Amino acid sequence: MERSENAQRHTLAILVDNSPGVLARVTALISGRGFNIDSLSVAETNEPEVSLITLITVGTPRIISQVIKQLRKLINVIKVTDLAEVDYVERQLVMIRVKAVDNQRAEITRLADIFRAKIIDVCPKTYTLEITGGQEKIRAALALLSEFGVEEQVSTGLTAISRSPILGKKTKKAEA
């Protein structure tokens, strides 16, 4: 995907049928056209037959519009919404294992409290923390925790929800 000066980050909420192969078709469409996926998260919604794909990408308004039009053409896609056009909340989960020797444990615990992180595992020489929040909060926490020595870090993709009900299930005919 082009990364020009007017390229912006977009969070796409893609409501799809919860059936085998749908995610593969969505990602193949995007990668097959040379677009990049910066983050991807998929989960069943409150309706078991429907899943929500949260996809983060960067592009110009023209490119994002192209991507959305192509996604809407896929058979199992119910609805595509660019959350950049509405108010929304996003979160990410990161688990990080840091070195924690005796004289550092109290400081790591204080940092966990400041960032509302949870210490989810304690070993003789390490702590594993779970941090949930927006990207800025996560970056700040990771920057401070990295001073202790990161042994391993894993994270989910971003997930997002609009602040108003825009993702209700609708048929393609209703959207036309």
Protein backbone atom coordinates (compact mmCIF):
# COMPACT_ATOMS: atom_id res chain seq x y z
CA MET A 1 0.00 0.00 0.00
CA GLU A 2 1.31 3.42 -0.78
CA ARG A 3 2.78 5.37 2.11
CA SER A 4 2.60 8.96 0.88
CA GLU A 5 2.38 12.17 2.85
CA ASN A 6 -1.43 12.09 2.93
CA ALA A 7 -1.53 8.42 3.95
CA GLN A 8 -3.29 7.87 7.27
CA ARG A 9 -3.87 4.98 9.61
CA HIS A 10 -7.29 3.37 9.23
CA THR A 11 -9.05 0.85 11.42
CA LEU A 12 -11.48 -1.24 9.40
CA ALA A 13 -14.25 -3.13 11.17
CA ILE A 14 -15.29 -5.97 8.87
CA LEU A 15 -18.38 -7.94 9.87
CA VAL A 16 -18.27 -11.38 8.21
CA ASP A 17 -19.99 -14.75 8.23
CA ASN A 18 -18.31 -17.00 10.80
CA SER A 19 -17.36 -19.73 8.36
CA PRO A 20 -14.15 -21.45 7.22
CA GLY A 21 -12.03 -19.60 4.69
CA VAL A 22 -13.48 -16.12 5.16
CA LEU A 23 -10.39 -14.70 6.87
CA ALA A 24 -8.17 -16.25 4.18
CA ARG A 25 -10.25 -14.59 1.44
CA VAL A 26 -10.12 -11.20 3.17
CA THR A 27 -6.35 -11.30 3.72
CA ALA A 28 -5.73 -12.70 0.22
CA LEU A 29 -7.71 -9.83 -1.30
CA ILE A 30 -5.65 -7.27 0.57
CA SER A 31 -2.21 -8.85 0.12
CA GLY A 32 -2.95 -9.80 -3.48
CA ARG A 33 -3.35 -6.12 -4.32
CA GLY A 34 -0.12 -5.14 -2.59
CA PHE A 35 -1.76 -3.65 0.49
CA ASN A 36 -0.18 -4.10 3.92
CA ILE A 37 -1.96 -5.22 7.09
CA ASP A 38 -0.40 -3.55 10.12
CA SER A 39 -2.61 -5.35 12.65
CA LEU A 40 -5.29 -8.02 12.48
CA SER A 41 -7.69 -9.32 15.10
CA VAL A 42 -10.62 -11.69 14.59
CA ALA A 43 -13.28 -12.90 16.99
CA GLU A 44 -16.83 -14.15 17.11
CA THR A 45 -19.41 -11.46 17.95
CA ASN A 46 -22.40 -11.82 20.27
CA GLU A 47 -24.02 -13.61 17.32
CA PRO A 48 -22.12 -16.94 16.94
CA GLU A 49 -22.68 -17.03 13.17
CA VAL A 50 -20.95 -13.63 12.74
CA SER A 51 -17.31 -12.64 13.33
CA LEU A 52 -15.66 -9.24 13.45
CA ILE A 53 -12.31 -8.69 11.76
CA THR A 54 -10.49 -5.61 13.02
CA LEU A 55 -7.86 -4.69 10.44
CA ILE A 56 -5.39 -1.82 10.69
CA THR A 57 -3.79 -0.45 7.54
CA VAL A 58 -2.24 2.77 6.28
CA GLY A 59 -3.19 4.46 3.05
CA THR A 60 -4.51 7.46 1.24
CA PRO A 61 -8.26 8.08 1.21
CA ARG A 62 -8.37 6.82 -2.41
CA ILE A 63 -6.59 3.57 -1.56
CA ILE A 64 -8.68 2.92 1.57
CA SER A 65 -11.84 3.55 -0.44
CA GLN A 66 -10.60 1.01 -3.01
CA VAL A 67 -9.90 -1.57 -0.30
CA ILE A 68 -13.35 -1.10 1.25
CA LYS A 69 -15.09 -1.44 -2.14
CA GLN A 70 -13.18 -4.65 -2.87
CA LEU A 71 -13.96 -6.08 0.58
CA ARG A 72 -17.67 -5.36 0.15
CA LYS A 73 -17.66 -7.48 -3.02
CA LEU A 74 -16.65 -10.61 -1.11
CA ILE A 75 -19.54 -13.05 -0.63
CA ASN A 76 -19.16 -13.61 3.13
CA VAL A 77 -18.62 -9.94 4.02
CA ILE A 78 -21.69 -8.45 5.71
CA LYS A 79 -20.48 -4.91 6.40
CA VAL A 80 -17.26 -2.87 6.24
CA THR A 81 -16.81 0.28 8.32
CA ASP A 82 -13.80 2.59 8.39
CA LEU A 83 -13.68 3.49 12.07
CA ALA A 84 -11.48 6.50 11.25
CA GLU A 85 -14.76 8.17 10.21
CA VAL A 86 -16.44 7.69 13.62
CA ASP A 87 -15.55 7.91 17.30
CA TYR A 88 -14.17 4.60 18.55
CA VAL A 89 -12.15 2.98 21.30
CA GLU A 90 -9.23 0.64 20.63
CA ARG A 91 -7.22 -1.67 22.85
CA GLN A 92 -4.33 -4.08 22.58
CA LEU A 93 -3.04 -6.75 24.94
CA VAL A 94 0.68 -7.28 25.49
CA MET A 95 2.35 -9.89 27.66
CA ILE A 96 5.96 -9.21 28.52
CA ARG A 97 8.43 -11.26 30.54
CA VAL A 98 11.11 -9.10 32.16
CA LYS A 99 14.10 -9.93 34.30
CA ALA A 100 13.26 -9.33 37.95
CA VAL A 101 16.10 -9.71 40.40
CA ASP A 102 15.57 -8.96 44.08
CA ASN A 103 16.35 -5.24 44.02
CA GLN A 104 14.16 -4.66 40.90
CA ARG A 105 10.97 -6.45 41.93
CA ALA A 106 9.50 -3.52 43.86
CA GLU A 107 10.16 -1.10 41.01
CA ILE A 108 8.56 -3.44 38.46
CA THR A 109 5.52 -3.82 40.74
CA ARG A 110 5.26 0.00 41.03
CA LEU A 111 5.40 0.36 37.23
CA ALA A 112 2.73 -2.33 36.88
CA ASP A 113 0.49 -0.35 39.25
CA ILE A 114 1.08 2.92 37.40
CA PHE A 115 0.12 1.37 34.06
CA ARG A 116 -2.66 -0.78 35.54
CA ALA A 117 -0.81 -3.84 34.35
CA LYS A 118 -1.19 -7.22 36.00
CA ILE A 119 1.64 -9.42 37.10
CA ILE A 120 0.39 -12.76 35.79
CA ASP A 121 3.41 -14.95 36.53
CA VAL A 122 6.23 -14.82 39.04
CA CYS A 123 9.37 -16.91 38.68
CA PRO A 124 12.62 -16.75 40.64
CA LYS A 125 14.28 -14.47 38.05
CA THR A 126 11.39 -13.02 36.00
CA TYR A 127 7.98 -11.40 36.15
CA THR A 128 5.43 -11.71 33.35
CA LEU A 129 3.08 -8.76 33.00
CA GLU A 130 -0.16 -8.28 31.09
CA ILE A 131 -0.72 -4.75 29.82
CA THR A 132 -3.93 -3.71 28.12
CA GLY A 133 -4.60 -0.32 26.58
CA GLY A 134 -4.10 2.03 23.68
CA GLN A 135 -0.91 2.10 21.68
CA GLU A 136 0.59 5.11 23.48
CA LYS A 137 0.11 3.54 26.92
CA ILE A 138 1.62 0.26 25.72
CA ARG A 139 4.63 2.00 24.14
CA ALA A 140 5.29 3.99 27.32
CA ALA A 141 5.05 0.91 29.56
CA LEU A 142 7.27 -1.16 27.30
CA ALA A 143 9.88 1.60 27.13
CA LEU A 144 10.16 1.69 30.92
CA LEU A 145 10.04 -2.09 31.37
CA SER A 146 12.73 -2.62 28.73
CA GLU A 147 15.25 -1.10 31.14
CA PHE A 148 14.95 -4.26 33.26
CA GLY A 149 15.69 -6.55 30.32
CA VAL A 150 12.95 -8.05 28.19
CA GLU A 151 13.16 -11.81 27.81
CA GLU A 152 10.06 -12.20 25.66
CA GLN A 153 7.15 -10.11 24.43
CA VAL A 154 3.95 -11.11 22.62
CA SER A 155 0.89 -9.10 21.73
CA THR A 156 -2.53 -9.32 20.20
CA GLY A 157 -3.59 -7.20 17.29
CA LEU A 158 -5.54 -4.06 18.03
CA THR A 159 -9.24 -4.49 18.50
CA ALA A 160 -11.72 -1.65 18.29
CA ILE A 161 -15.36 -0.80 18.84
CA SER A 162 -17.33 2.25 17.76
CA ARG A 163 -18.77 4.45 20.46
CA SER A 164 -22.17 4.24 18.78
CA PRO A 165 -23.98 1.24 17.29
CA ILE A 166 -22.77 1.14 13.67
CA LEU A 167 -21.97 -2.55 13.38
CA GLY A 168 -25.44 -4.04 13.62
CA LYS A 169 -25.92 -7.04 11.34
CA LYS A 170 -27.39 -5.99 8.02
CA THR A 171 -27.80 -7.88 4.80
CA LYS A 172 -26.05 -6.66 1.68
CA LYS A 173 -29.45 -5.79 0.15
CA ALA A 174 -30.23 -3.51 3.11
CA GLU A 175 -26.96 -1.62 2.57
CA ALA A 176 -27.41 -1.11 -1.18
